[in-house]
Amino acid sequence: MNLGTIGVWTSYRPFGKERAGEAAKLVEQLGYGTWWLGGSPQVEDVRPILEATSALTAATGILNVWSNDPAAAAAADAALREDHPERFVLGIGIGHPEATSDYTRPLAAMRAFFDGLDAAERPVPREERLAAALGPKMLDLAAERSLGTHPYFTTPEHTRFARERVGPGVLVAPELAVVLERDADQAREIARGYAATYLRLGNYTRNLLRFGFIEEDIGGGGSDRLIDAVIPHGSPAAIAEAVALHLEAGADHVCLQPLGHGPAPVEDYRALAAELLSV
């Protein structure tokens, strides 16, 4: 399984699933290692990415455990791996409590989902699955039962904490939303539009409060300090510096989510690849 050091994170919502193959070819040609498919996807949703490319890895970022059956997910995973061996990672996660009335005992729910993947007729290999994790106990579970973890909406300080918690040899692959825009006011406006959803969700805000932010940072759309830390902006070189902070903190892989330049930010992908990748 080759994730590469830099990937992209996006759902199909901005441009439509029918254009997934076209987008995947571009991502692979530019040298990115992995496409993380967001939007609470099903396993089968990843297939167009893999069918359109020859080496690009794809991952679900993430399949929601509350709305999926582990046996069905394992069966779909097995079919996909049979057609595209060593190119798919099943990312699972609990989402956030505001999304479902069934949200109780999240750690137990994640553990039970892993149990279901292991008990399936064709189990999902440990090294081909991972878990979205923010807090210490969920990070422990991710390290114990999977390839590693895929944190979302976090800072380099959290990446350092995650690395220290899971130890060496466990994947740490944070998502990093970025704005390729040199005008700070414009960039922060774009970033706040994206951040508004997450600053209303308890699992993300509690995590930010654990890592040096205060309630005043979270309110009012997010302070400049918070917005700049979670969603860096600037030139491609400035974004590369922000990526380096996560890598220096212990990340193995960083998946980039460019914001603010249309449903398919092709030029952002190109500019970031030119700065970060050697194709």
Protein backbone atom coordinates (compact mmCIF):
# COMPACT_ATOMS: atom_id res chain seq x y z
CA MET A 1 0.00 0.00 0.00
CA ASN A 2 1.58 3.24 -1.16
CA LEU A 3 -0.19 6.36 0.10
CA GLY A 4 2.61 8.75 -0.79
CA THR A 5 3.35 11.76 1.38
CA ILE A 6 0.75 14.14 -0.09
CA GLY A 7 -2.82 13.36 -1.07
CA VAL A 8 -6.02 15.23 -1.84
CA TRP A 9 -9.28 15.24 0.10
CA THR A 10 -12.58 15.95 -1.60
CA SER A 11 -16.06 14.58 -2.01
CA TYR A 12 -17.98 14.22 -5.27
CA ARG A 13 -20.47 16.89 -4.24
CA PRO A 14 -18.72 19.87 -5.86
CA PHE A 15 -18.38 18.39 -9.37
CA GLY A 16 -20.49 15.22 -9.58
CA LYS A 17 -19.63 11.54 -9.46
CA GLU A 18 -19.79 11.32 -13.25
CA ARG A 19 -16.58 13.38 -13.42
CA ALA A 20 -14.73 11.32 -10.80
CA GLY A 21 -12.65 9.43 -13.35
CA GLU A 22 -11.51 12.62 -15.07
CA ALA A 23 -10.59 14.19 -11.75
CA ALA A 24 -8.78 11.06 -10.56
CA LYS A 25 -6.63 10.95 -13.68
CA LEU A 26 -5.53 14.52 -13.10
CA VAL A 27 -4.75 13.87 -9.43
CA GLU A 28 -2.62 10.86 -10.39
CA GLN A 29 -0.86 12.69 -13.24
CA LEU A 30 0.10 15.52 -10.89
CA GLY A 31 1.80 13.04 -8.57
CA TYR A 32 -0.53 12.89 -5.57
CA GLY A 33 -0.45 9.56 -3.82
CA THR A 34 -3.97 9.16 -2.47
CA TRP A 35 -7.48 10.47 -3.04
CA TRP A 36 -9.45 10.64 0.20
CA LEU A 37 -13.13 10.55 -0.68
CA GLY A 38 -15.21 12.58 1.77
CA GLY A 39 -18.95 13.07 2.15
CA SER A 40 -19.64 9.87 4.15
CA PRO A 41 -19.10 7.62 1.11
CA GLN A 42 -19.92 3.95 0.62
CA VAL A 43 -17.10 1.60 -0.37
CA GLU A 44 -18.42 1.23 -3.91
CA ASP A 45 -18.28 5.00 -4.41
CA VAL A 46 -14.48 4.72 -4.64
CA ARG A 47 -14.57 2.44 -7.66
CA PRO A 48 -14.55 5.19 -10.36
CA ILE A 49 -11.33 6.61 -8.89
CA LEU A 50 -9.55 3.27 -9.06
CA GLU A 51 -10.91 2.29 -12.47
CA ALA A 52 -9.68 5.54 -14.04
CA THR A 53 -6.13 5.26 -12.68
CA SER A 54 -3.31 2.74 -12.46
CA ALA A 55 -1.42 3.57 -9.26
CA LEU A 56 -3.45 6.12 -7.28
CA THR A 57 -4.56 4.87 -3.87
CA ALA A 58 -8.11 5.70 -2.73
CA ALA A 59 -9.52 5.88 0.78
CA THR A 60 -12.89 6.55 2.33
CA GLY A 61 -12.64 9.60 4.53
CA ILE A 62 -14.79 8.35 6.20
CA LEU A 63 -17.41 5.59 6.02
CA ASN A 64 -19.80 6.31 8.88
CA VAL A 65 -20.22 3.39 11.30
CA TRP A 66 -23.70 4.49 12.42
CA SER A 67 -25.18 4.14 8.94
CA ASN A 68 -23.30 1.09 7.65
CA ASP A 69 -23.26 -2.62 8.42
CA PRO A 70 -19.73 -4.01 8.95
CA ALA A 71 -20.46 -7.27 7.13
CA ALA A 72 -21.76 -5.39 4.07
CA ALA A 73 -18.81 -3.00 4.18
CA ALA A 74 -16.39 -5.92 4.39
CA ALA A 75 -18.03 -7.65 1.41
CA ALA A 76 -17.82 -4.48 -0.69
CA ASP A 77 -14.23 -3.97 0.44
CA ALA A 78 -13.29 -7.52 -0.60
CA ALA A 79 -14.80 -7.04 -4.05
CA LEU A 80 -12.94 -3.77 -4.53
CA ARG A 81 -9.63 -5.18 -3.32
CA GLU A 82 -10.01 -8.15 -5.64
CA ASP A 83 -10.29 -5.83 -8.63
CA HIS A 84 -7.71 -3.29 -7.39
CA PRO A 85 -5.35 -4.97 -4.95
CA GLU A 86 -3.32 -2.83 -2.52
CA ARG A 87 -4.91 0.40 -3.69
CA PHE A 88 -7.81 0.91 -1.29
CA VAL A 89 -7.96 1.87 2.37
CA LEU A 90 -11.24 1.56 4.25
CA GLY A 91 -11.43 4.62 6.48
CA ILE A 92 -14.15 4.42 9.12
CA GLY A 93 -15.34 6.87 11.75
CA ILE A 94 -18.12 7.80 14.12
CA GLY A 95 -18.85 11.24 12.68
CA HIS A 96 -20.25 13.63 15.26
CA PRO A 97 -23.11 13.50 17.78
CA GLU A 98 -25.11 16.23 16.06
CA ALA A 99 -25.55 14.00 12.99
CA THR A 100 -27.47 11.08 14.51
CA SER A 101 -29.77 10.37 17.40
CA ASP A 102 -28.08 6.96 17.76
CA TYR A 103 -24.79 8.54 18.81
CA THR A 104 -24.07 6.80 22.12
CA ARG A 105 -20.88 5.18 23.43
CA PRO A 106 -18.80 6.05 20.33
CA LEU A 107 -15.73 4.10 21.42
CA ALA A 108 -17.79 0.94 21.93
CA ALA A 109 -19.47 1.49 18.55
CA MET A 110 -16.11 1.75 16.79
CA ARG A 111 -14.80 -1.32 18.57
CA ALA A 112 -17.91 -3.27 17.58
CA PHE A 113 -17.51 -2.18 13.95
CA PHE A 114 -13.92 -3.42 13.93
CA ASP A 115 -15.17 -6.69 15.42
CA GLY A 116 -17.68 -6.94 12.59
CA LEU A 117 -15.01 -6.34 9.96
CA ASP A 118 -12.91 -9.10 11.51
CA ALA A 119 -15.84 -11.54 11.74
CA ALA A 120 -16.95 -11.06 8.13
CA GLU A 121 -16.76 -13.90 5.64
CA ARG A 122 -13.89 -12.03 3.99
CA PRO A 123 -12.38 -9.85 6.74
CA VAL A 124 -10.90 -6.45 6.00
CA PRO A 125 -7.13 -6.73 6.62
CA ARG A 126 -5.88 -4.63 9.51
CA GLU A 127 -3.27 -3.00 7.29
CA GLU A 128 -5.92 -1.87 4.79
CA ARG A 129 -8.26 -0.04 7.18
CA LEU A 130 -7.96 2.97 9.47
CA ALA A 131 -10.03 5.08 11.82
CA ALA A 132 -10.76 8.77 12.14
CA ALA A 133 -9.63 9.63 15.67
CA LEU A 134 -9.15 12.80 17.69
CA GLY A 135 -9.19 11.91 21.38
CA PRO A 136 -6.72 9.67 23.22
CA LYS A 137 -8.92 6.59 23.59
CA MET A 138 -9.99 6.61 19.96
CA LEU A 139 -6.37 7.03 18.90
CA ASP A 140 -5.47 4.03 21.06
CA LEU A 141 -8.16 1.97 19.35
CA ALA A 142 -7.03 3.07 15.89
CA ALA A 143 -3.47 2.00 16.66
CA GLU A 144 -4.61 -1.31 18.14
CA ARG A 145 -7.03 -2.34 15.41
CA SER A 146 -5.95 -0.66 12.18
CA LEU A 147 -3.28 0.84 9.98
CA GLY A 148 -3.61 4.15 11.80
CA THR A 149 -5.63 7.34 11.95
CA HIS A 150 -7.05 10.07 9.72
CA PRO A 151 -7.70 13.19 11.85
CA TYR A 152 -9.79 16.02 10.41
CA PHE A 153 -9.93 19.78 11.16
CA THR A 154 -6.86 19.73 13.38
CA THR A 155 -3.57 21.54 13.98
CA PRO A 156 0.09 20.46 13.97
CA GLU A 157 -0.13 20.32 17.78
CA HIS A 158 -2.77 17.62 17.49
CA THR A 159 -0.66 15.78 14.93
CA ARG A 160 2.21 15.75 17.43
CA PHE A 161 -0.12 14.48 20.14
CA ALA A 162 -1.48 11.77 17.84
CA ARG A 163 2.01 10.60 16.92
CA GLU A 164 3.07 10.43 20.54
CA ARG A 165 -0.11 8.56 21.44
CA VAL A 166 -0.04 5.91 18.69
CA GLY A 167 3.73 5.49 18.64
CA PRO A 168 6.00 4.64 15.71
CA GLY A 169 4.93 2.48 12.81
CA VAL A 170 1.29 3.60 12.91
CA LEU A 171 -0.08 5.81 10.13
CA VAL A 172 -0.98 9.40 11.01
CA ALA A 173 -2.65 11.05 8.01
CA PRO A 174 -4.32 14.38 8.83
CA GLU A 175 -6.58 16.28 6.48
CA LEU A 176 -5.50 19.90 5.91
CA ALA A 177 -7.86 22.43 4.37
CA VAL A 178 -5.97 25.29 2.71
CA VAL A 179 -6.69 28.53 0.86
CA LEU A 180 -4.34 29.48 -1.95
CA GLU A 181 -4.83 33.20 -1.55
CA ARG A 182 -2.29 35.85 -0.56
CA ASP A 183 -4.85 38.41 0.62
CA ALA A 184 -5.32 37.49 4.28
CA ASP A 185 -8.78 39.03 4.67
CA GLN A 186 -10.14 37.28 1.59
CA ALA A 187 -8.50 34.00 2.58
CA ARG A 188 -9.97 34.12 6.09
CA GLU A 189 -13.41 34.87 4.70
CA ILE A 190 -13.20 31.72 2.58
CA ALA A 191 -11.82 29.73 5.49
CA ARG A 192 -14.57 30.89 7.86
CA GLY A 193 -17.22 29.85 5.37
CA TYR A 194 -15.82 26.33 5.46
CA ALA A 195 -15.12 26.32 9.20
CA ALA A 196 -18.64 27.40 10.19
CA THR A 197 -19.97 23.84 10.01
CA TYR A 198 -17.20 22.35 12.14
CA LEU A 199 -17.23 25.08 14.77
CA ARG A 200 -20.79 24.01 15.58
CA LEU A 201 -19.82 20.37 16.15
CA GLY A 202 -18.81 19.28 19.63
CA ASN A 203 -16.18 16.70 18.78
CA TYR A 204 -14.17 19.26 16.79
CA THR A 205 -14.57 22.14 19.21
CA ARG A 206 -13.69 20.01 22.23
CA ASN A 207 -10.56 18.90 20.42
CA LEU A 208 -9.55 22.49 19.67
CA LEU A 209 -10.06 23.43 23.31
CA ARG A 210 -7.68 20.62 24.30
CA PHE A 211 -4.95 22.17 22.17
CA GLY A 212 -4.62 25.72 23.38
CA PHE A 213 -7.70 27.48 22.04
CA ILE A 214 -10.38 29.06 24.21
CA GLU A 215 -14.11 29.61 23.80
CA GLU A 216 -13.49 33.11 22.43
CA ASP A 217 -11.44 31.59 19.61
CA ILE A 218 -14.32 29.33 18.61
CA GLY A 219 -17.12 31.90 18.74
CA GLY A 220 -17.86 34.52 16.12
CA GLY A 221 -16.83 32.36 13.20
CA GLY A 222 -13.40 31.61 14.65
CA SER A 223 -10.62 33.93 15.69
CA ASP A 224 -7.86 34.77 13.23
CA ARG A 225 -5.52 32.68 15.38
CA LEU A 226 -7.71 29.61 15.14
CA ILE A 227 -8.57 30.03 11.47
CA ASP A 228 -4.93 30.48 10.46
CA ALA A 229 -3.83 27.44 12.49
CA VAL A 230 -6.46 25.04 11.18
CA ILE A 231 -6.84 26.41 7.62
CA PRO A 232 -3.55 27.95 6.49
CA HIS A 233 -3.53 30.36 3.58
CA GLY A 234 -1.11 32.11 1.28
CA SER A 235 1.16 31.23 -1.60
CA PRO A 236 1.99 27.63 -2.56
CA ALA A 237 5.26 28.06 -0.64
CA ALA A 238 3.36 29.18 2.47
CA ILE A 239 1.08 26.15 2.19
CA ALA A 240 4.15 23.94 1.84
CA GLU A 241 5.44 25.37 5.11
CA ALA A 242 2.13 24.52 6.79
CA VAL A 243 2.34 20.97 5.43
CA ALA A 244 5.90 20.72 6.73
CA LEU A 245 4.68 21.58 10.24
CA HIS A 246 2.43 18.51 10.21
CA LEU A 247 5.14 16.30 8.79
CA GLU A 248 7.65 17.55 11.35
CA ALA A 249 5.07 16.87 14.07
CA GLY A 250 4.90 13.23 13.05
CA ALA A 251 2.46 12.93 10.14
CA ASP A 252 3.30 10.29 7.54
CA HIS A 253 0.89 11.71 4.99
CA VAL A 254 -1.06 14.96 4.63
CA CYS A 255 -4.17 15.18 2.47
CA LEU A 256 -4.94 18.65 1.14
CA GLN A 257 -8.38 20.16 0.64
CA PRO A 258 -8.07 23.43 -1.32
CA LEU A 259 -10.94 25.86 -0.71
CA GLY A 260 -12.49 28.83 -2.41
CA HIS A 261 -11.70 28.38 -6.08
CA GLY A 262 -14.70 26.63 -7.52
CA PRO A 263 -16.05 23.09 -7.42
CA ALA A 264 -12.93 21.58 -9.01
CA PRO A 265 -9.89 23.68 -8.00
CA VAL A 266 -7.64 22.33 -10.75
CA GLU A 267 -5.21 25.22 -10.69
CA ASP A 268 -4.82 24.85 -6.92
CA TYR A 269 -3.99 21.18 -7.38
CA ARG A 270 -1.44 22.10 -10.03
CA ALA A 271 0.18 24.86 -7.98
CA LEU A 272 0.42 22.71 -4.86
CA ALA A 273 1.82 19.78 -6.83
CA ALA A 274 4.49 22.00 -8.36
CA GLU A 275 5.54 23.12 -4.88
CA LEU A 276 5.23 19.85 -2.98
CA LEU A 277 5.65 16.97 -5.40
CA SER A 278 8.30 15.65 -7.73
CA VAL A 279 6.46 13.94 -10.58
